[in-house]
Amino acid sequence: FNVFNSSPKFGPQFNLTLTISDSNYDQDLLSNDVLQLLQNDSPYMGLIFSADDTSALTIKNLILNTDLPFINPLSSLSKLSKPFIQNIINFRPTYSDDLHSVVTFLNTEFPTVQRVSIIYNSSRTDDYFDTLLRLLAAKGLYVVSKLDYDPAAVPFPAGAIAVEN
C-alpha cells in the first residue's frame, strides 16, 4: 500500500488502505461492519470476504443494490453466483457442481461402495445437504451415518479431535 500511495501517478488521487474486521460469525456484528463501510464517506474499492455461507449471504443482501464489488474467494454457495450478479466475484464452482464431482469420483473410483458416512458442517445451508443426498441417491449411494458440527462453536483442533474420535 505504501508503494501505491507514494506513487506520483496514483498517490495524489487515492489513499489505498486495508480495513480488517472479524465478526466471529456474529451476523449482527457483520451487518454493522458492512453498513459502516457502505455509509463511510471514503470510497471503497471492494469488500474481500472469506468465511461461512450464512455470513456471505448476509453481505450479499447488504451490497445487492450497490456498486461495491464483493470478492468472495472461498464460498461455493450457488446463491452468490446464480443468477449472475454483476458486483459479486466468486472463484469457486458452486456446491452443486463441486458435490457432483465428488460423488462421481466416489462412484467411479470405488464402484463397490454403496454406503457412506458424512461429516457435515452444520453452518452450510440446507441446499448443500439436500443436494448431496440427492446426488448420492442418484448414484446408488446411501448415507448410513452423519456427524454434524458448527465451526463457530468448536475450535478447529478440538473439532478435528472430535471428528477423529
N, C-alpha and C. Protein backbone atom coordinates (compact mmCIF):
# COMPACT_ATOMS: atom_id res chain seq x y z
N PHE A 1 0.82 -1.19 0.00
CA PHE A 1 0.00 0.00 0.00
C PHE A 1 0.86 1.26 0.00
N ASN A 2 1.99 1.19 0.71
CA ASN A 2 2.86 2.36 0.76
C ASN A 2 3.42 2.70 -0.61
N VAL A 3 3.79 1.67 -1.38
CA VAL A 3 4.32 1.90 -2.73
C VAL A 3 3.26 2.54 -3.60
N PHE A 4 2.05 2.00 -3.54
CA PHE A 4 0.95 2.55 -4.34
C PHE A 4 0.64 3.99 -3.93
N ASN A 5 0.51 4.21 -2.62
CA ASN A 5 0.14 5.53 -2.13
C ASN A 5 1.22 6.58 -2.35
N SER A 6 2.49 6.16 -2.42
CA SER A 6 3.57 7.13 -2.65
C SER A 6 3.86 7.33 -4.15
N SER A 7 3.20 6.57 -4.99
CA SER A 7 3.40 6.70 -6.43
C SER A 7 2.88 8.05 -6.92
N PRO A 8 3.68 8.75 -7.75
CA PRO A 8 3.21 10.04 -8.27
C PRO A 8 1.97 9.88 -9.16
N LYS A 9 1.81 8.72 -9.74
CA LYS A 9 0.68 8.50 -10.64
C LYS A 9 -0.63 8.29 -9.86
N PHE A 10 -0.57 7.57 -8.74
CA PHE A 10 -1.79 7.23 -8.01
C PHE A 10 -1.91 7.91 -6.65
N GLY A 11 -0.79 8.07 -5.95
CA GLY A 11 -0.80 8.58 -4.59
C GLY A 11 -1.60 9.85 -4.38
N PRO A 12 -1.44 10.87 -5.24
CA PRO A 12 -2.20 12.10 -5.01
C PRO A 12 -3.72 11.92 -5.14
N GLN A 13 -4.15 10.94 -5.93
CA GLN A 13 -5.59 10.74 -6.17
C GLN A 13 -6.22 9.78 -5.19
N PHE A 14 -5.46 8.81 -4.72
CA PHE A 14 -6.01 7.74 -3.89
C PHE A 14 -5.20 7.58 -2.61
N ASN A 15 -5.83 7.10 -1.61
CA ASN A 15 -5.14 6.68 -0.40
C ASN A 15 -5.62 5.27 -0.11
N LEU A 16 -4.91 4.30 -0.64
CA LEU A 16 -5.32 2.91 -0.53
C LEU A 16 -5.01 2.38 0.86
N THR A 17 -6.04 1.83 1.53
CA THR A 17 -5.87 1.24 2.85
C THR A 17 -6.58 -0.10 2.88
N LEU A 18 -6.20 -0.90 3.86
CA LEU A 18 -6.84 -2.19 4.07
C LEU A 18 -7.48 -2.16 5.45
N THR A 19 -8.78 -2.40 5.49
CA THR A 19 -9.50 -2.45 6.76
C THR A 19 -9.87 -3.90 7.02
N ILE A 20 -9.51 -4.40 8.19
CA ILE A 20 -9.78 -5.79 8.54
C ILE A 20 -10.79 -5.82 9.69
N SER A 21 -11.81 -6.64 9.53
CA SER A 21 -12.83 -6.77 10.57
C SER A 21 -13.13 -8.25 10.76
N ASP A 22 -13.23 -8.68 11.99
CA ASP A 22 -13.56 -10.07 12.30
C ASP A 22 -14.88 -10.09 13.06
N SER A 23 -15.91 -10.61 12.44
CA SER A 23 -17.24 -10.64 13.06
C SER A 23 -17.43 -11.88 13.93
N ASN A 24 -16.48 -12.82 13.88
CA ASN A 24 -16.56 -14.04 14.66
C ASN A 24 -17.90 -14.76 14.46
N TYR A 25 -18.35 -14.81 13.22
CA TYR A 25 -19.60 -15.48 12.82
C TYR A 25 -20.85 -14.83 13.42
N ASP A 26 -20.74 -13.63 13.95
CA ASP A 26 -21.89 -12.91 14.52
C ASP A 26 -22.52 -12.07 13.40
N GLN A 27 -23.73 -12.44 12.98
CA GLN A 27 -24.36 -11.78 11.83
C GLN A 27 -24.69 -10.31 12.10
N ASP A 28 -25.05 -9.97 13.33
CA ASP A 28 -25.34 -8.57 13.66
C ASP A 28 -24.08 -7.72 13.58
N LEU A 29 -23.00 -8.23 14.13
CA LEU A 29 -21.72 -7.51 14.08
C LEU A 29 -21.26 -7.36 12.62
N LEU A 30 -21.39 -8.42 11.85
CA LEU A 30 -21.02 -8.38 10.44
C LEU A 30 -21.84 -7.34 9.69
N SER A 31 -23.14 -7.35 9.91
CA SER A 31 -24.03 -6.38 9.24
C SER A 31 -23.63 -4.95 9.60
N ASN A 32 -23.36 -4.70 10.88
CA ASN A 32 -22.94 -3.36 11.30
C ASN A 32 -21.64 -2.95 10.63
N ASP A 33 -20.68 -3.86 10.56
CA ASP A 33 -19.39 -3.55 9.92
C ASP A 33 -19.57 -3.20 8.44
N VAL A 34 -20.36 -4.01 7.73
CA VAL A 34 -20.57 -3.76 6.30
C VAL A 34 -21.34 -2.46 6.09
N LEU A 35 -22.36 -2.22 6.90
CA LEU A 35 -23.13 -0.98 6.77
C LEU A 35 -22.26 0.25 7.04
N GLN A 36 -21.32 0.14 7.97
CA GLN A 36 -20.39 1.24 8.21
C GLN A 36 -19.52 1.50 6.99
N LEU A 37 -19.07 0.43 6.33
CA LEU A 37 -18.29 0.60 5.10
C LEU A 37 -19.12 1.30 4.03
N LEU A 38 -20.37 0.91 3.90
CA LEU A 38 -21.23 1.47 2.86
C LEU A 38 -21.60 2.93 3.16
N GLN A 39 -21.65 3.30 4.43
CA GLN A 39 -22.05 4.65 4.81
C GLN A 39 -20.86 5.59 4.97
N ASN A 40 -19.67 5.04 4.96
CA ASN A 40 -18.48 5.85 5.13
C ASN A 40 -18.29 6.76 3.92
N ASP A 41 -17.78 7.96 4.14
CA ASP A 41 -17.56 8.91 3.05
C ASP A 41 -16.40 8.50 2.14
N SER A 42 -15.49 7.68 2.66
CA SER A 42 -14.35 7.25 1.86
C SER A 42 -14.82 6.22 0.83
N PRO A 43 -14.36 6.38 -0.41
CA PRO A 43 -14.75 5.37 -1.41
C PRO A 43 -13.98 4.06 -1.18
N TYR A 44 -14.69 2.97 -1.20
CA TYR A 44 -14.06 1.66 -1.06
C TYR A 44 -13.98 0.99 -2.42
N MET A 45 -12.85 0.33 -2.66
CA MET A 45 -12.67 -0.37 -3.93
C MET A 45 -13.49 -1.65 -3.95
N GLY A 46 -13.61 -2.29 -2.79
CA GLY A 46 -14.33 -3.55 -2.76
C GLY A 46 -14.28 -4.16 -1.38
N LEU A 47 -15.01 -5.24 -1.23
CA LEU A 47 -15.09 -5.96 0.01
C LEU A 47 -14.61 -7.38 -0.25
N ILE A 48 -13.50 -7.76 0.39
CA ILE A 48 -12.95 -9.11 0.25
C ILE A 48 -13.35 -9.87 1.50
N PHE A 49 -13.95 -11.02 1.31
CA PHE A 49 -14.53 -11.72 2.44
C PHE A 49 -14.26 -13.21 2.32
N SER A 50 -14.00 -13.84 3.45
CA SER A 50 -13.81 -15.27 3.43
C SER A 50 -14.28 -15.84 4.76
N ALA A 51 -15.42 -16.47 4.77
CA ALA A 51 -15.94 -17.11 5.99
C ALA A 51 -17.09 -18.03 5.62
N ASP A 52 -18.04 -18.13 6.49
CA ASP A 52 -19.13 -19.09 6.30
C ASP A 52 -20.19 -18.58 5.32
N ASP A 53 -21.02 -19.49 4.85
CA ASP A 53 -22.03 -19.17 3.84
C ASP A 53 -23.11 -18.22 4.36
N THR A 54 -23.51 -18.39 5.61
CA THR A 54 -24.54 -17.51 6.18
C THR A 54 -24.05 -16.07 6.16
N SER A 55 -22.79 -15.87 6.52
CA SER A 55 -22.22 -14.52 6.51
C SER A 55 -22.12 -13.99 5.08
N ALA A 56 -21.75 -14.85 4.14
CA ALA A 56 -21.66 -14.43 2.74
C ALA A 56 -23.04 -13.97 2.23
N LEU A 57 -24.10 -14.68 2.61
CA LEU A 57 -25.45 -14.28 2.21
C LEU A 57 -25.86 -12.97 2.87
N THR A 58 -25.44 -12.77 4.10
CA THR A 58 -25.72 -11.50 4.79
C THR A 58 -25.09 -10.35 4.02
N ILE A 59 -23.83 -10.52 3.63
CA ILE A 59 -23.15 -9.46 2.88
C ILE A 59 -23.82 -9.26 1.52
N LYS A 60 -24.15 -10.35 0.84
CA LYS A 60 -24.81 -10.25 -0.47
C LYS A 60 -26.05 -9.38 -0.35
N ASN A 61 -26.87 -9.63 0.65
CA ASN A 61 -28.12 -8.89 0.80
C ASN A 61 -27.87 -7.42 1.11
N LEU A 62 -26.76 -7.11 1.77
CA LEU A 62 -26.46 -5.72 2.10
C LEU A 62 -25.90 -4.94 0.91
N ILE A 63 -25.16 -5.60 0.04
CA ILE A 63 -24.50 -4.88 -1.06
C ILE A 63 -25.22 -5.06 -2.40
N LEU A 64 -26.32 -5.80 -2.39
CA LEU A 64 -27.00 -6.15 -3.64
C LEU A 64 -27.33 -4.95 -4.51
N ASN A 65 -27.76 -3.87 -3.93
CA ASN A 65 -28.15 -2.69 -4.72
C ASN A 65 -27.11 -1.59 -4.66
N THR A 66 -25.84 -1.99 -4.52
CA THR A 66 -24.75 -1.01 -4.52
C THR A 66 -23.80 -1.36 -5.67
N ASP A 67 -22.81 -0.52 -5.85
CA ASP A 67 -21.77 -0.79 -6.84
C ASP A 67 -20.53 -1.42 -6.22
N LEU A 68 -20.56 -1.66 -4.91
CA LEU A 68 -19.40 -2.18 -4.20
C LEU A 68 -19.11 -3.62 -4.62
N PRO A 69 -17.94 -3.89 -5.18
CA PRO A 69 -17.60 -5.28 -5.52
C PRO A 69 -17.43 -6.12 -4.26
N PHE A 70 -17.98 -7.29 -4.29
CA PHE A 70 -17.88 -8.25 -3.19
C PHE A 70 -17.08 -9.43 -3.71
N ILE A 71 -15.85 -9.57 -3.24
CA ILE A 71 -14.97 -10.64 -3.68
C ILE A 71 -14.99 -11.72 -2.60
N ASN A 72 -15.47 -12.88 -2.96
CA ASN A 72 -15.59 -13.98 -2.02
C ASN A 72 -14.85 -15.19 -2.59
N PRO A 73 -13.57 -15.34 -2.24
CA PRO A 73 -12.75 -16.35 -2.91
C PRO A 73 -13.01 -17.80 -2.50
N LEU A 74 -13.70 -18.04 -1.39
CA LEU A 74 -13.79 -19.41 -0.91
C LEU A 74 -15.17 -20.04 -0.97
N SER A 75 -16.21 -19.27 -0.99
CA SER A 75 -17.55 -19.86 -0.92
C SER A 75 -17.97 -20.44 -2.27
N SER A 76 -18.68 -21.53 -2.19
CA SER A 76 -19.23 -22.15 -3.39
C SER A 76 -20.75 -22.07 -3.41
N LEU A 77 -21.29 -21.23 -2.58
CA LEU A 77 -22.73 -21.09 -2.46
C LEU A 77 -23.33 -20.63 -3.77
N SER A 78 -24.24 -21.40 -4.33
CA SER A 78 -24.82 -21.07 -5.63
C SER A 78 -25.61 -19.77 -5.59
N LYS A 79 -26.12 -19.39 -4.42
CA LYS A 79 -26.89 -18.15 -4.31
C LYS A 79 -26.01 -16.91 -4.50
N LEU A 80 -24.69 -17.10 -4.51
CA LEU A 80 -23.79 -15.98 -4.77
C LEU A 80 -23.48 -15.83 -6.26
N SER A 81 -23.75 -16.86 -7.04
CA SER A 81 -23.39 -16.79 -8.45
C SER A 81 -24.53 -17.08 -9.42
N LYS A 82 -25.62 -17.59 -8.92
CA LYS A 82 -26.76 -17.91 -9.79
C LYS A 82 -28.02 -17.32 -9.20
N PRO A 83 -28.69 -16.43 -9.86
CA PRO A 83 -28.33 -15.84 -11.16
C PRO A 83 -27.12 -14.91 -11.02
N PHE A 84 -26.52 -14.59 -12.15
CA PHE A 84 -25.33 -13.76 -12.18
C PHE A 84 -25.62 -12.39 -11.55
N ILE A 85 -24.74 -11.96 -10.66
CA ILE A 85 -24.83 -10.65 -10.03
C ILE A 85 -23.53 -9.91 -10.35
N GLN A 86 -23.65 -8.76 -10.99
CA GLN A 86 -22.52 -8.03 -11.54
C GLN A 86 -21.41 -7.75 -10.53
N ASN A 87 -21.74 -7.37 -9.29
CA ASN A 87 -20.69 -6.95 -8.38
C ASN A 87 -20.24 -8.05 -7.40
N ILE A 88 -20.64 -9.29 -7.62
CA ILE A 88 -20.16 -10.40 -6.80
C ILE A 88 -19.16 -11.23 -7.60
N ILE A 89 -17.96 -11.33 -7.07
CA ILE A 89 -16.89 -12.06 -7.73
C ILE A 89 -16.60 -13.31 -6.90
N ASN A 90 -16.85 -14.45 -7.49
CA ASN A 90 -16.71 -15.73 -6.80
C ASN A 90 -15.79 -16.62 -7.64
N PHE A 91 -14.82 -17.26 -7.01
CA PHE A 91 -13.81 -18.01 -7.77
C PHE A 91 -14.03 -19.51 -7.80
N ARG A 92 -14.87 -20.02 -6.94
CA ARG A 92 -15.04 -21.47 -6.84
C ARG A 92 -16.29 -21.92 -7.59
N PRO A 93 -16.32 -23.19 -7.97
CA PRO A 93 -17.56 -23.72 -8.56
C PRO A 93 -18.64 -23.76 -7.49
N THR A 94 -19.88 -23.85 -7.89
CA THR A 94 -20.97 -23.92 -6.93
C THR A 94 -20.87 -25.23 -6.15
N TYR A 95 -21.53 -25.27 -4.99
CA TYR A 95 -21.54 -26.50 -4.20
C TYR A 95 -22.11 -27.65 -5.01
N SER A 96 -23.15 -27.36 -5.77
CA SER A 96 -23.77 -28.41 -6.58
C SER A 96 -22.77 -29.01 -7.56
N ASP A 97 -22.03 -28.15 -8.27
CA ASP A 97 -21.01 -28.62 -9.21
C ASP A 97 -19.90 -29.38 -8.48
N ASP A 98 -19.49 -28.83 -7.34
CA ASP A 98 -18.44 -29.44 -6.53
C ASP A 98 -18.87 -30.82 -6.02
N LEU A 99 -20.08 -30.90 -5.48
CA LEU A 99 -20.60 -32.16 -4.96
C LEU A 99 -20.79 -33.19 -6.07
N HIS A 100 -21.23 -32.75 -7.23
CA HIS A 100 -21.40 -33.66 -8.36
C HIS A 100 -20.07 -34.32 -8.70
N SER A 101 -18.99 -33.53 -8.69
CA SER A 101 -17.66 -34.08 -8.98
C SER A 101 -17.23 -35.08 -7.92
N VAL A 102 -17.48 -34.78 -6.66
CA VAL A 102 -17.09 -35.68 -5.56
C VAL A 102 -17.85 -36.99 -5.66
N VAL A 103 -19.17 -36.93 -5.86
CA VAL A 103 -19.99 -38.14 -5.92
C VAL A 103 -19.63 -38.97 -7.15
N THR A 104 -19.38 -38.31 -8.27
CA THR A 104 -18.96 -39.03 -9.48
C THR A 104 -17.63 -39.73 -9.24
N PHE A 105 -16.69 -39.04 -8.57
CA PHE A 105 -15.41 -39.65 -8.24
C PHE A 105 -15.61 -40.89 -7.37
N LEU A 106 -16.43 -40.77 -6.32
CA LEU A 106 -16.69 -41.92 -5.45
C LEU A 106 -17.23 -43.10 -6.23
N ASN A 107 -18.18 -42.83 -7.10
CA ASN A 107 -18.84 -43.88 -7.86
C ASN A 107 -17.88 -44.51 -8.88
N THR A 108 -17.00 -43.70 -9.45
CA THR A 108 -16.07 -44.19 -10.47
C THR A 108 -14.89 -44.94 -9.85
N GLU A 109 -14.29 -44.36 -8.83
CA GLU A 109 -13.09 -44.92 -8.22
C GLU A 109 -13.37 -46.02 -7.21
N PHE A 110 -14.57 -46.03 -6.64
CA PHE A 110 -14.94 -47.03 -5.64
C PHE A 110 -16.31 -47.62 -6.00
N PRO A 111 -16.39 -48.33 -7.12
CA PRO A 111 -17.69 -48.78 -7.63
C PRO A 111 -18.41 -49.76 -6.71
N THR A 112 -17.72 -50.42 -5.81
CA THR A 112 -18.40 -51.38 -4.93
C THR A 112 -18.97 -50.74 -3.67
N VAL A 113 -18.61 -49.49 -3.41
CA VAL A 113 -19.12 -48.80 -2.22
C VAL A 113 -20.59 -48.44 -2.43
N GLN A 114 -21.40 -48.78 -1.44
CA GLN A 114 -22.83 -48.46 -1.51
C GLN A 114 -23.29 -47.60 -0.34
N ARG A 115 -22.50 -47.58 0.73
CA ARG A 115 -22.88 -46.83 1.92
C ARG A 115 -21.78 -45.82 2.26
N VAL A 116 -22.20 -44.62 2.68
CA VAL A 116 -21.24 -43.59 3.03
C VAL A 116 -21.62 -42.95 4.37
N SER A 117 -20.62 -42.45 5.05
CA SER A 117 -20.81 -41.65 6.26
C SER A 117 -20.43 -40.21 5.91
N ILE A 118 -21.16 -39.27 6.49
CA ILE A 118 -20.93 -37.87 6.16
C ILE A 118 -20.53 -37.10 7.41
N ILE A 119 -19.46 -36.33 7.30
CA ILE A 119 -19.10 -35.34 8.32
C ILE A 119 -19.55 -34.01 7.74
N TYR A 120 -20.47 -33.36 8.42
CA TYR A 120 -21.22 -32.26 7.84
C TYR A 120 -21.04 -30.98 8.65
N ASN A 121 -20.64 -29.92 7.98
CA ASN A 121 -20.51 -28.59 8.58
C ASN A 121 -21.92 -28.01 8.69
N SER A 122 -22.45 -27.91 9.90
CA SER A 122 -23.85 -27.50 10.07
C SER A 122 -24.10 -26.04 9.73
N SER A 123 -23.05 -25.25 9.50
CA SER A 123 -23.28 -23.86 9.10
C SER A 123 -23.60 -23.76 7.61
N ARG A 124 -23.41 -24.85 6.90
CA ARG A 124 -23.76 -24.86 5.47
C ARG A 124 -25.28 -24.84 5.34
N THR A 125 -25.73 -24.42 4.21
CA THR A 125 -27.16 -24.29 4.01
C THR A 125 -27.81 -25.66 3.79
N ASP A 126 -29.11 -25.73 4.00
CA ASP A 126 -29.85 -26.96 3.75
C ASP A 126 -29.72 -27.38 2.30
N ASP A 127 -29.60 -26.41 1.41
CA ASP A 127 -29.45 -26.69 -0.01
C ASP A 127 -28.23 -27.58 -0.26
N TYR A 128 -27.16 -27.32 0.45
CA TYR A 128 -25.94 -28.10 0.30
C TYR A 128 -26.19 -29.56 0.66
N PHE A 129 -26.77 -29.78 1.84
CA PHE A 129 -27.01 -31.15 2.31
C PHE A 129 -28.04 -31.85 1.43
N ASP A 130 -29.10 -31.16 1.06
CA ASP A 130 -30.13 -31.75 0.19
C ASP A 130 -29.55 -32.15 -1.16
N THR A 131 -28.68 -31.29 -1.70
CA THR A 131 -28.03 -31.60 -2.98
C THR A 131 -27.15 -32.83 -2.84
N LEU A 132 -26.40 -32.90 -1.75
CA LEU A 132 -25.53 -34.05 -1.52
C LEU A 132 -26.36 -35.34 -1.44
N LEU A 133 -27.43 -35.34 -0.67
CA LEU A 133 -28.28 -36.54 -0.54
C LEU A 133 -28.87 -36.94 -1.88
N ARG A 134 -29.33 -35.96 -2.65
CA ARG A 134 -29.92 -36.26 -3.96
C ARG A 134 -28.90 -36.88 -4.91
N LEU A 135 -27.69 -36.32 -4.93
CA LEU A 135 -26.64 -36.84 -5.81
C LEU A 135 -26.19 -38.24 -5.38
N LEU A 136 -26.06 -38.45 -4.08
CA LEU A 136 -25.67 -39.78 -3.59
C LEU A 136 -26.73 -40.82 -3.96
N ALA A 137 -27.99 -40.49 -3.76
CA ALA A 137 -29.08 -41.42 -4.08
C ALA A 137 -29.12 -41.73 -5.57
N ALA A 138 -28.87 -40.72 -6.40
CA ALA A 138 -28.88 -40.93 -7.85
C ALA A 138 -27.79 -41.89 -8.30
N LYS A 139 -26.70 -41.96 -7.53
CA LYS A 139 -25.60 -42.86 -7.87
C LYS A 139 -25.71 -44.18 -7.11
N GLY A 140 -26.79 -44.38 -6.36
CA GLY A 140 -26.98 -45.62 -5.63
C GLY A 140 -26.19 -45.69 -4.33
N LEU A 141 -25.78 -44.55 -3.80
CA LEU A 141 -25.04 -44.50 -2.55
C LEU A 141 -25.97 -44.04 -1.43
N TYR A 142 -25.88 -44.68 -0.28
CA TYR A 142 -26.80 -44.39 0.82
C TYR A 142 -26.03 -43.93 2.05
N VAL A 143 -26.57 -42.94 2.73
CA VAL A 143 -25.95 -42.40 3.94
C VAL A 143 -26.33 -43.28 5.12
N VAL A 144 -25.33 -43.80 5.81
CA VAL A 144 -25.59 -44.66 6.96
C VAL A 144 -25.29 -43.95 8.28
N SER A 145 -24.51 -42.89 8.26
CA SER A 145 -24.26 -42.11 9.47
C SER A 145 -23.92 -40.68 9.09
N LYS A 146 -24.19 -39.78 10.02
CA LYS A 146 -23.95 -38.37 9.78
C LYS A 146 -23.44 -37.74 11.07
N LEU A 147 -22.38 -36.96 10.97
CA LEU A 147 -21.85 -36.20 12.10
C LEU A 147 -21.83 -34.75 11.66
N ASP A 148 -22.60 -33.92 12.37
CA ASP A 148 -22.55 -32.50 12.02
C ASP A 148 -21.88 -31.71 13.12
N TYR A 149 -21.29 -30.60 12.75
CA TYR A 149 -20.60 -29.74 13.70
C TYR A 149 -20.78 -28.30 13.28
N ASP A 150 -20.69 -27.40 14.23
CA ASP A 150 -20.78 -25.97 13.98
C ASP A 150 -19.37 -25.39 14.11
N PRO A 151 -18.76 -24.93 13.02
CA PRO A 151 -17.38 -24.46 13.09
C PRO A 151 -17.20 -23.24 13.99
N ALA A 152 -18.26 -22.46 14.19
CA ALA A 152 -18.14 -21.29 15.06
C ALA A 152 -18.10 -21.70 16.53
N ALA A 153 -18.68 -22.84 16.85
CA ALA A 153 -18.79 -23.27 18.24
C ALA A 153 -17.63 -24.17 18.67
N VAL A 154 -16.91 -24.72 17.72
CA VAL A 154 -15.85 -25.68 18.05
C VAL A 154 -14.53 -25.16 17.49
N PRO A 155 -13.53 -24.92 18.38
CA PRO A 155 -12.22 -24.54 17.87
C PRO A 155 -11.70 -25.65 16.96
N PHE A 156 -11.00 -25.30 15.91
CA PHE A 156 -10.61 -26.30 14.91
C PHE A 156 -9.87 -27.49 15.49
N PRO A 157 -8.83 -27.31 16.32
CA PRO A 157 -8.14 -28.51 16.83
C PRO A 157 -9.08 -29.42 17.61
N ALA A 158 -9.96 -28.85 18.45
CA ALA A 158 -10.90 -29.67 19.20
C ALA A 158 -11.89 -30.34 18.25
N GLY A 159 -12.31 -29.60 17.21
CA GLY A 159 -13.22 -30.19 16.23
C GLY A 159 -12.58 -31.33 15.48
N ALA A 160 -11.32 -31.20 15.14
CA ALA A 160 -10.62 -32.27 14.44
C ALA A 160 -10.50 -33.51 15.32
N ILE A 161 -10.24 -33.30 16.61
CA ILE A 161 -10.14 -34.44 17.52
C ILE A 161 -11.50 -35.12 17.65
N ALA A 162 -12.58 -34.33 17.76
CA ALA A 162 -13.93 -34.90 17.89
C ALA A 162 -14.30 -35.72 16.65
N VAL A 163 -13.94 -35.19 15.49
CA VAL A 163 -14.25 -35.91 14.24
C VAL A 163 -13.43 -37.19 14.17
N GLU A 164 -12.15 -37.12 14.61
CA GLU A 164 -11.28 -38.29 14.59
C GLU A 164 -11.83 -39.38 15.49
N ASN A 165 -12.36 -39.00 16.65
CA ASN A 165 -12.89 -39.98 17.60
C ASN A 165 -14.25 -40.47 17.13
